[in-house]
Amino acid sequence: MPMGRLVALLLVCLLVGCATSGPSQKSAEEQVREYSATAVSLSDFSMKIMAHFQSQGLSVPSDFDAAQFFALLEKIYPDQTEVEHIRSSYRVSARSLDGGYSVMLCDQSTGRKIMEDLSCRLDRVEIRSWENSAPGPCAFEDNWKPLCK
């Protein structure tokens, strides 16, 4: 292959690579900042949701899901912009767990699990999958009880 063609091919590959991995992808540092802030929000959500149920002498309903999670936050959480940010930025799933609940956030495009808050420690998110070198699929943690001790 003539040298001019090789250079042109390399330039095309470089331009295509830049176009597909451009500014829409976040750096690792930007992801850590975003996910850490989101984890703080989830912890705050947990405090408000658990206080809501406990103040009424209730447990989280056994059919608790993402729709109920967001419906309750719309009623009780003061910063609706943060609620909407999480709703629009992540694929969100929720479930009931022994009187409490867990909420899981996954990447909308890749489907990888980013974090899961088990609501048993109201000061932090228990599962921070984004910190793993190979985050797993978007699935609830089956072996969650040891994380709540």
N, C-alpha and C. Protein backbone atom coordinates (compact mmCIF):
# COMPACT_ATOMS: atom_id res chain seq x y z
N MET A 1 0.86 -1.18 0.00
CA MET A 1 0.00 0.00 0.00
C MET A 1 0.90 1.23 0.00
N PRO A 2 0.63 2.18 -0.91
CA PRO A 2 1.45 3.40 -0.95
C PRO A 2 1.33 4.18 0.37
N MET A 3 2.38 4.88 0.69
CA MET A 3 2.45 5.62 1.97
C MET A 3 1.33 6.64 2.09
N GLY A 4 0.98 7.34 1.02
CA GLY A 4 -0.09 8.34 1.07
C GLY A 4 -1.43 7.72 1.44
N ARG A 5 -1.69 6.54 0.89
CA ARG A 5 -2.95 5.85 1.21
C ARG A 5 -2.97 5.40 2.67
N LEU A 6 -1.85 4.93 3.16
CA LEU A 6 -1.74 4.49 4.54
C LEU A 6 -1.99 5.66 5.50
N VAL A 7 -1.41 6.80 5.21
CA VAL A 7 -1.62 7.99 6.04
C VAL A 7 -3.08 8.41 6.00
N ALA A 8 -3.68 8.39 4.82
CA ALA A 8 -5.09 8.76 4.69
C ALA A 8 -5.97 7.79 5.47
N LEU A 9 -5.68 6.50 5.39
CA LEU A 9 -6.46 5.49 6.13
C LEU A 9 -6.33 5.71 7.63
N LEU A 10 -5.12 6.00 8.09
CA LEU A 10 -4.91 6.26 9.51
C LEU A 10 -5.67 7.51 9.97
N LEU A 11 -5.67 8.55 9.15
CA LEU A 11 -6.41 9.76 9.50
C LEU A 11 -7.91 9.50 9.58
N VAL A 12 -8.44 8.73 8.66
CA VAL A 12 -9.87 8.40 8.68
C VAL A 12 -10.18 7.61 9.95
N CYS A 13 -9.35 6.63 10.26
CA CYS A 13 -9.58 5.83 11.48
C CYS A 13 -9.52 6.71 12.73
N LEU A 14 -8.55 7.61 12.75
CA LEU A 14 -8.43 8.51 13.90
C LEU A 14 -9.66 9.42 14.03
N LEU A 15 -10.11 9.99 12.92
CA LEU A 15 -11.28 10.86 12.95
C LEU A 15 -12.53 10.11 13.35
N VAL A 16 -12.71 8.91 12.83
CA VAL A 16 -13.88 8.10 13.21
C VAL A 16 -13.81 7.75 14.69
N GLY A 17 -12.64 7.40 15.16
CA GLY A 17 -12.48 7.07 16.58
C GLY A 17 -12.79 8.25 17.47
N CYS A 18 -12.33 9.44 17.08
CA CYS A 18 -12.63 10.64 17.87
C CYS A 18 -14.11 10.97 17.83
N ALA A 19 -14.73 10.78 16.69
CA ALA A 19 -16.15 11.10 16.56
C ALA A 19 -17.00 10.19 17.41
N THR A 20 -16.61 8.92 17.57
CA THR A 20 -17.44 7.99 18.33
C THR A 20 -17.13 8.01 19.81
N SER A 21 -15.96 8.50 20.20
CA SER A 21 -15.64 8.52 21.63
C SER A 21 -15.49 9.93 22.16
N GLY A 22 -16.03 10.89 21.45
CA GLY A 22 -15.89 12.30 21.76
C GLY A 22 -16.45 12.71 23.09
N PRO A 23 -16.93 13.92 23.19
CA PRO A 23 -17.30 14.51 24.47
C PRO A 23 -18.48 13.86 25.15
N SER A 24 -19.22 12.99 24.46
CA SER A 24 -20.38 12.38 25.10
C SER A 24 -19.98 11.35 26.17
N GLN A 25 -18.76 10.81 26.05
CA GLN A 25 -18.31 9.86 27.05
C GLN A 25 -17.61 10.62 28.17
N LYS A 26 -17.88 10.23 29.41
CA LYS A 26 -17.31 10.92 30.55
C LYS A 26 -16.00 10.27 30.94
N SER A 27 -15.08 11.07 31.43
CA SER A 27 -13.82 10.54 31.93
C SER A 27 -14.10 9.78 33.23
N ALA A 28 -13.13 8.98 33.63
CA ALA A 28 -13.27 8.23 34.88
C ALA A 28 -13.47 9.18 36.06
N GLU A 29 -12.76 10.30 36.04
CA GLU A 29 -12.90 11.27 37.13
C GLU A 29 -14.30 11.89 37.16
N GLU A 30 -14.83 12.21 35.99
CA GLU A 30 -16.18 12.77 35.91
C GLU A 30 -17.21 11.75 36.40
N GLN A 31 -17.02 10.49 36.05
CA GLN A 31 -17.94 9.44 36.49
C GLN A 31 -17.90 9.30 38.01
N VAL A 32 -16.71 9.29 38.58
CA VAL A 32 -16.59 9.17 40.04
C VAL A 32 -17.30 10.33 40.72
N ARG A 33 -17.11 11.55 40.21
CA ARG A 33 -17.79 12.71 40.80
C ARG A 33 -19.31 12.56 40.70
N GLU A 34 -19.79 12.20 39.51
CA GLU A 34 -21.24 12.05 39.31
C GLU A 34 -21.81 10.93 40.18
N TYR A 35 -21.17 9.77 40.15
CA TYR A 35 -21.70 8.63 40.90
C TYR A 35 -21.62 8.86 42.41
N SER A 36 -20.58 9.52 42.88
CA SER A 36 -20.48 9.82 44.31
C SER A 36 -21.60 10.76 44.74
N ALA A 37 -21.88 11.77 43.93
CA ALA A 37 -22.98 12.70 44.24
C ALA A 37 -24.32 11.97 44.20
N THR A 38 -24.49 11.08 43.25
CA THR A 38 -25.72 10.30 43.15
C THR A 38 -25.88 9.39 44.37
N ALA A 39 -24.78 8.80 44.83
CA ALA A 39 -24.83 7.93 46.02
C ALA A 39 -25.28 8.73 47.24
N VAL A 40 -24.82 9.97 47.36
CA VAL A 40 -25.25 10.83 48.48
C VAL A 40 -26.75 11.08 48.38
N SER A 41 -27.23 11.34 47.17
CA SER A 41 -28.67 11.56 46.98
C SER A 41 -29.47 10.31 47.35
N LEU A 42 -29.00 9.13 46.93
CA LEU A 42 -29.72 7.90 47.27
C LEU A 42 -29.77 7.69 48.78
N SER A 43 -28.68 7.99 49.47
CA SER A 43 -28.67 7.87 50.93
C SER A 43 -29.70 8.81 51.56
N ASP A 44 -29.77 10.02 51.02
CA ASP A 44 -30.75 10.98 51.53
C ASP A 44 -32.17 10.51 51.23
N PHE A 45 -32.39 9.97 50.03
CA PHE A 45 -33.70 9.40 49.70
C PHE A 45 -34.07 8.32 50.71
N SER A 46 -33.10 7.44 51.03
CA SER A 46 -33.35 6.36 51.98
C SER A 46 -33.79 6.88 53.33
N MET A 47 -33.09 7.92 53.81
CA MET A 47 -33.47 8.49 55.11
C MET A 47 -34.91 8.98 55.09
N LYS A 48 -35.28 9.68 54.03
CA LYS A 48 -36.64 10.24 53.94
C LYS A 48 -37.69 9.14 53.77
N ILE A 49 -37.40 8.16 52.92
CA ILE A 49 -38.38 7.09 52.68
C ILE A 49 -38.56 6.23 53.92
N MET A 50 -37.46 5.82 54.55
CA MET A 50 -37.58 4.98 55.74
C MET A 50 -38.26 5.75 56.88
N ALA A 51 -37.94 7.02 57.04
CA ALA A 51 -38.60 7.84 58.08
C ALA A 51 -40.09 7.96 57.79
N HIS A 52 -40.46 8.09 56.52
CA HIS A 52 -41.87 8.18 56.14
C HIS A 52 -42.63 6.94 56.61
N PHE A 53 -42.10 5.77 56.28
CA PHE A 53 -42.79 4.53 56.68
C PHE A 53 -42.77 4.33 58.19
N GLN A 54 -41.60 4.56 58.82
CA GLN A 54 -41.49 4.35 60.27
C GLN A 54 -42.37 5.30 61.05
N SER A 55 -42.55 6.52 60.58
CA SER A 55 -43.39 7.48 61.29
C SER A 55 -44.85 7.03 61.31
N GLN A 56 -45.22 6.18 60.36
CA GLN A 56 -46.58 5.65 60.30
C GLN A 56 -46.67 4.25 60.88
N GLY A 57 -45.56 3.76 61.44
CA GLY A 57 -45.53 2.41 62.00
C GLY A 57 -45.64 1.33 60.93
N LEU A 58 -45.17 1.63 59.72
CA LEU A 58 -45.30 0.70 58.60
C LEU A 58 -43.94 0.23 58.11
N SER A 59 -43.97 -0.90 57.43
CA SER A 59 -42.80 -1.38 56.69
C SER A 59 -43.00 -1.01 55.23
N VAL A 60 -41.93 -1.07 54.47
CA VAL A 60 -42.03 -0.84 53.03
C VAL A 60 -42.90 -1.97 52.47
N PRO A 61 -43.89 -1.67 51.63
CA PRO A 61 -44.78 -2.70 51.10
C PRO A 61 -44.02 -3.77 50.30
N SER A 62 -44.52 -4.99 50.35
CA SER A 62 -43.84 -6.10 49.68
C SER A 62 -43.82 -5.95 48.16
N ASP A 63 -44.71 -5.14 47.60
CA ASP A 63 -44.72 -4.95 46.15
C ASP A 63 -44.01 -3.66 45.72
N PHE A 64 -43.17 -3.13 46.60
CA PHE A 64 -42.45 -1.87 46.33
C PHE A 64 -41.63 -2.01 45.06
N ASP A 65 -41.74 -1.02 44.17
CA ASP A 65 -41.00 -1.04 42.92
C ASP A 65 -40.57 0.38 42.56
N ALA A 66 -39.94 0.55 41.40
CA ALA A 66 -39.44 1.87 41.00
C ALA A 66 -40.55 2.89 40.87
N ALA A 67 -41.71 2.48 40.39
CA ALA A 67 -42.83 3.43 40.25
C ALA A 67 -43.24 3.96 41.63
N GLN A 68 -43.33 3.08 42.63
CA GLN A 68 -43.69 3.51 43.99
C GLN A 68 -42.57 4.34 44.61
N PHE A 69 -41.32 3.97 44.33
CA PHE A 69 -40.16 4.71 44.81
C PHE A 69 -40.26 6.18 44.35
N PHE A 70 -40.47 6.39 43.06
CA PHE A 70 -40.56 7.76 42.54
C PHE A 70 -41.84 8.46 42.97
N ALA A 71 -42.94 7.75 43.05
CA ALA A 71 -44.20 8.37 43.50
C ALA A 71 -44.06 8.89 44.93
N LEU A 72 -43.42 8.12 45.78
CA LEU A 72 -43.23 8.55 47.16
C LEU A 72 -42.27 9.74 47.23
N LEU A 73 -41.18 9.67 46.47
CA LEU A 73 -40.24 10.80 46.46
C LEU A 73 -40.90 12.08 45.96
N GLU A 74 -41.81 11.96 45.00
CA GLU A 74 -42.52 13.14 44.50
C GLU A 74 -43.35 13.79 45.61
N LYS A 75 -43.82 12.99 46.55
CA LYS A 75 -44.63 13.52 47.66
C LYS A 75 -43.79 14.07 48.80
N ILE A 76 -42.64 13.41 49.10
CA ILE A 76 -41.94 13.74 50.34
C ILE A 76 -40.57 14.38 50.17
N TYR A 77 -39.99 14.32 48.99
CA TYR A 77 -38.61 14.82 48.86
C TYR A 77 -38.60 16.28 48.42
N PRO A 78 -37.87 17.13 49.13
CA PRO A 78 -37.94 18.56 48.84
C PRO A 78 -37.28 18.99 47.53
N ASP A 79 -36.27 18.29 47.05
CA ASP A 79 -35.55 18.70 45.84
C ASP A 79 -35.96 17.82 44.66
N GLN A 80 -37.02 18.21 43.99
CA GLN A 80 -37.52 17.42 42.87
C GLN A 80 -36.57 17.42 41.67
N THR A 81 -35.69 18.39 41.57
CA THR A 81 -34.72 18.37 40.47
C THR A 81 -33.77 17.19 40.63
N GLU A 82 -33.42 16.85 41.86
CA GLU A 82 -32.54 15.70 42.08
C GLU A 82 -33.27 14.39 41.78
N VAL A 83 -34.52 14.31 42.16
CA VAL A 83 -35.33 13.13 41.86
C VAL A 83 -35.41 12.94 40.34
N GLU A 84 -35.70 14.01 39.63
CA GLU A 84 -35.81 13.95 38.17
C GLU A 84 -34.48 13.63 37.52
N HIS A 85 -33.40 14.15 38.07
CA HIS A 85 -32.07 13.84 37.53
C HIS A 85 -31.81 12.33 37.57
N ILE A 86 -32.11 11.72 38.68
CA ILE A 86 -31.87 10.27 38.80
C ILE A 86 -32.83 9.50 37.91
N ARG A 87 -34.08 9.90 37.86
CA ARG A 87 -35.05 9.23 37.00
C ARG A 87 -34.62 9.27 35.53
N SER A 88 -34.11 10.40 35.09
CA SER A 88 -33.77 10.55 33.67
C SER A 88 -32.37 10.07 33.32
N SER A 89 -31.48 9.96 34.30
CA SER A 89 -30.09 9.61 34.02
C SER A 89 -29.77 8.13 34.11
N TYR A 90 -30.60 7.37 34.81
CA TYR A 90 -30.30 5.97 35.08
C TYR A 90 -31.51 5.08 34.79
N ARG A 91 -31.23 3.81 34.61
CA ARG A 91 -32.29 2.80 34.60
C ARG A 91 -32.44 2.40 36.07
N VAL A 92 -33.61 2.65 36.64
CA VAL A 92 -33.83 2.49 38.08
C VAL A 92 -34.77 1.32 38.33
N SER A 93 -34.36 0.46 39.29
CA SER A 93 -35.22 -0.64 39.74
C SER A 93 -35.27 -0.59 41.26
N ALA A 94 -36.37 -1.01 41.83
CA ALA A 94 -36.50 -1.03 43.30
C ALA A 94 -37.25 -2.29 43.70
N ARG A 95 -37.01 -2.72 44.93
CA ARG A 95 -37.69 -3.90 45.48
C ARG A 95 -37.76 -3.78 47.00
N SER A 96 -38.67 -4.54 47.56
CA SER A 96 -38.82 -4.61 49.01
C SER A 96 -37.80 -5.61 49.57
N LEU A 97 -37.25 -5.29 50.76
CA LEU A 97 -36.29 -6.18 51.43
C LEU A 97 -36.55 -6.20 52.93
N ASP A 98 -37.12 -7.23 53.46
CA ASP A 98 -37.29 -7.39 54.91
C ASP A 98 -37.74 -6.11 55.62
N GLY A 99 -38.77 -5.49 55.15
CA GLY A 99 -39.30 -4.29 55.77
C GLY A 99 -38.67 -3.01 55.27
N GLY A 100 -37.56 -3.13 54.58
CA GLY A 100 -36.90 -1.98 53.96
C GLY A 100 -37.02 -2.12 52.45
N TYR A 101 -36.04 -1.58 51.75
CA TYR A 101 -36.07 -1.69 50.29
C TYR A 101 -34.66 -1.56 49.75
N SER A 102 -34.53 -1.88 48.49
CA SER A 102 -33.29 -1.62 47.77
C SER A 102 -33.64 -0.93 46.47
N VAL A 103 -32.77 -0.01 46.07
CA VAL A 103 -32.92 0.66 44.78
C VAL A 103 -31.60 0.51 44.04
N MET A 104 -31.70 0.13 42.78
CA MET A 104 -30.52 -0.13 41.97
C MET A 104 -30.52 0.81 40.77
N LEU A 105 -29.35 1.38 40.49
CA LEU A 105 -29.18 2.25 39.34
C LEU A 105 -28.24 1.57 38.35
N CYS A 106 -28.65 1.56 37.09
CA CYS A 106 -27.83 0.97 36.04
C CYS A 106 -27.66 1.98 34.91
N ASP A 107 -26.59 1.79 34.16
CA ASP A 107 -26.32 2.65 33.01
C ASP A 107 -27.38 2.37 31.94
N GLN A 108 -27.97 3.43 31.41
CA GLN A 108 -29.04 3.27 30.43
C GLN A 108 -28.55 2.66 29.12
N SER A 109 -27.33 2.95 28.73
CA SER A 109 -26.88 2.45 27.42
C SER A 109 -26.16 1.11 27.51
N THR A 110 -25.34 0.91 28.53
CA THR A 110 -24.57 -0.34 28.61
C THR A 110 -25.28 -1.43 29.42
N GLY A 111 -26.20 -1.03 30.29
CA GLY A 111 -26.88 -2.00 31.14
C GLY A 111 -26.06 -2.45 32.33
N ARG A 112 -24.88 -1.88 32.53
CA ARG A 112 -24.06 -2.31 33.69
C ARG A 112 -24.59 -1.67 34.97
N LYS A 113 -24.45 -2.41 36.04
CA LYS A 113 -24.89 -1.94 37.35
C LYS A 113 -23.92 -0.88 37.86
N ILE A 114 -24.47 0.24 38.32
CA ILE A 114 -23.64 1.32 38.85
C ILE A 114 -23.62 1.28 40.37
N MET A 115 -24.79 1.11 40.98
CA MET A 115 -24.86 1.05 42.45
C MET A 115 -26.19 0.46 42.88
N GLU A 116 -26.21 -0.02 44.13
CA GLU A 116 -27.45 -0.49 44.74
C GLU A 116 -27.44 -0.05 46.20
N ASP A 117 -28.48 0.66 46.58
CA ASP A 117 -28.64 1.12 47.96
C ASP A 117 -29.63 0.19 48.63
N LEU A 118 -29.19 -0.48 49.69
CA LEU A 118 -30.02 -1.45 50.39
C LEU A 118 -30.84 -0.83 51.51
N SER A 119 -30.71 0.44 51.75
CA SER A 119 -31.43 1.22 52.75
C SER A 119 -31.24 0.72 54.19
N CYS A 120 -30.26 -0.15 54.40
CA CYS A 120 -30.03 -0.61 55.77
C CYS A 120 -29.00 0.26 56.48
N ARG A 121 -28.17 0.94 55.76
CA ARG A 121 -27.23 1.91 56.33
C ARG A 121 -27.58 3.25 55.68
N LEU A 122 -28.22 4.08 56.42
CA LEU A 122 -28.76 5.31 55.84
C LEU A 122 -27.70 6.36 55.56
N ASP A 123 -26.45 6.09 55.96
CA ASP A 123 -25.39 7.07 55.72
C ASP A 123 -24.55 6.77 54.48
N ARG A 124 -24.82 5.65 53.78
CA ARG A 124 -24.05 5.34 52.59
C ARG A 124 -24.74 4.29 51.74
N VAL A 125 -24.34 4.26 50.48
CA VAL A 125 -24.82 3.24 49.55
C VAL A 125 -23.94 2.00 49.75
N GLU A 126 -24.58 0.86 49.93
CA GLU A 126 -23.83 -0.35 50.26
C GLU A 126 -23.06 -0.95 49.07
N ILE A 127 -23.63 -0.90 47.89
CA ILE A 127 -22.98 -1.53 46.73
C ILE A 127 -22.64 -0.44 45.72
N ARG A 128 -21.34 -0.22 45.55
CA ARG A 128 -20.84 0.82 44.66
C ARG A 128 -20.11 0.13 43.50
N SER A 129 -20.88 -0.42 42.59
CA SER A 129 -20.33 -1.23 41.51
C SER A 129 -19.41 -0.45 40.60
N TRP A 130 -19.61 0.85 40.48
CA TRP A 130 -18.77 1.64 39.59
C TRP A 130 -17.31 1.61 40.02
N GLU A 131 -17.04 1.25 41.27
CA GLU A 131 -15.66 1.19 41.76
C GLU A 131 -14.95 -0.09 41.35
N ASN A 132 -15.70 -1.08 40.87
CA ASN A 132 -15.10 -2.34 40.42
C ASN A 132 -14.52 -2.16 39.02
N SER A 133 -13.44 -2.88 38.75
CA SER A 133 -12.84 -2.77 37.42
C SER A 133 -13.74 -3.36 36.35
N ALA A 134 -14.56 -4.33 36.72
CA ALA A 134 -15.49 -4.94 35.76
C ALA A 134 -16.88 -5.00 36.38
N PRO A 135 -17.63 -3.87 36.34
CA PRO A 135 -18.97 -3.88 36.93
C PRO A 135 -19.85 -4.94 36.28
N GLY A 136 -20.71 -5.51 37.07
CA GLY A 136 -21.55 -6.60 36.60
C GLY A 136 -22.82 -6.14 35.92
N PRO A 137 -23.63 -7.12 35.57
CA PRO A 137 -24.90 -6.80 34.91
C PRO A 137 -25.88 -6.13 35.86
N CYS A 138 -26.89 -5.56 35.31
CA CYS A 138 -27.92 -4.87 36.08
C CYS A 138 -28.82 -5.91 36.74
N ALA A 139 -28.43 -6.34 37.94
CA ALA A 139 -29.18 -7.35 38.68
C ALA A 139 -29.07 -7.06 40.17
N PHE A 140 -30.18 -7.27 40.87
CA PHE A 140 -30.17 -7.07 42.32
C PHE A 140 -29.21 -8.05 42.99
N GLU A 141 -28.61 -7.60 44.08
CA GLU A 141 -27.71 -8.42 44.88
C GLU A 141 -28.53 -9.48 45.61
N ASP A 142 -28.20 -10.74 45.40
CA ASP A 142 -28.89 -11.83 46.09
C ASP A 142 -28.38 -12.00 47.52
N ASN A 143 -27.09 -11.85 47.72
CA ASN A 143 -26.49 -12.07 49.03
C ASN A 143 -26.31 -10.71 49.74
N TRP A 144 -27.43 -10.06 50.02
CA TRP A 144 -27.39 -8.71 50.57
C TRP A 144 -27.32 -8.65 52.09
N LYS A 145 -27.78 -9.70 52.78
CA LYS A 145 -27.86 -9.64 54.26
C LYS A 145 -26.53 -9.34 54.93
N PRO A 146 -25.40 -9.95 54.51
CA PRO A 146 -24.13 -9.59 55.17
C PRO A 146 -23.75 -8.12 55.01
N LEU A 147 -24.21 -7.50 53.98
CA LEU A 147 -23.91 -6.08 53.76
C LEU A 147 -24.68 -5.17 54.71
N CYS A 148 -25.69 -5.70 55.35
CA CYS A 148 -26.53 -4.91 56.25
C CYS A 148 -26.21 -5.17 57.72
N LYS A 149 -25.18 -5.92 58.00
CA LYS A 149 -24.84 -6.21 59.40
C LYS A 149 -23.92 -5.14 59.95
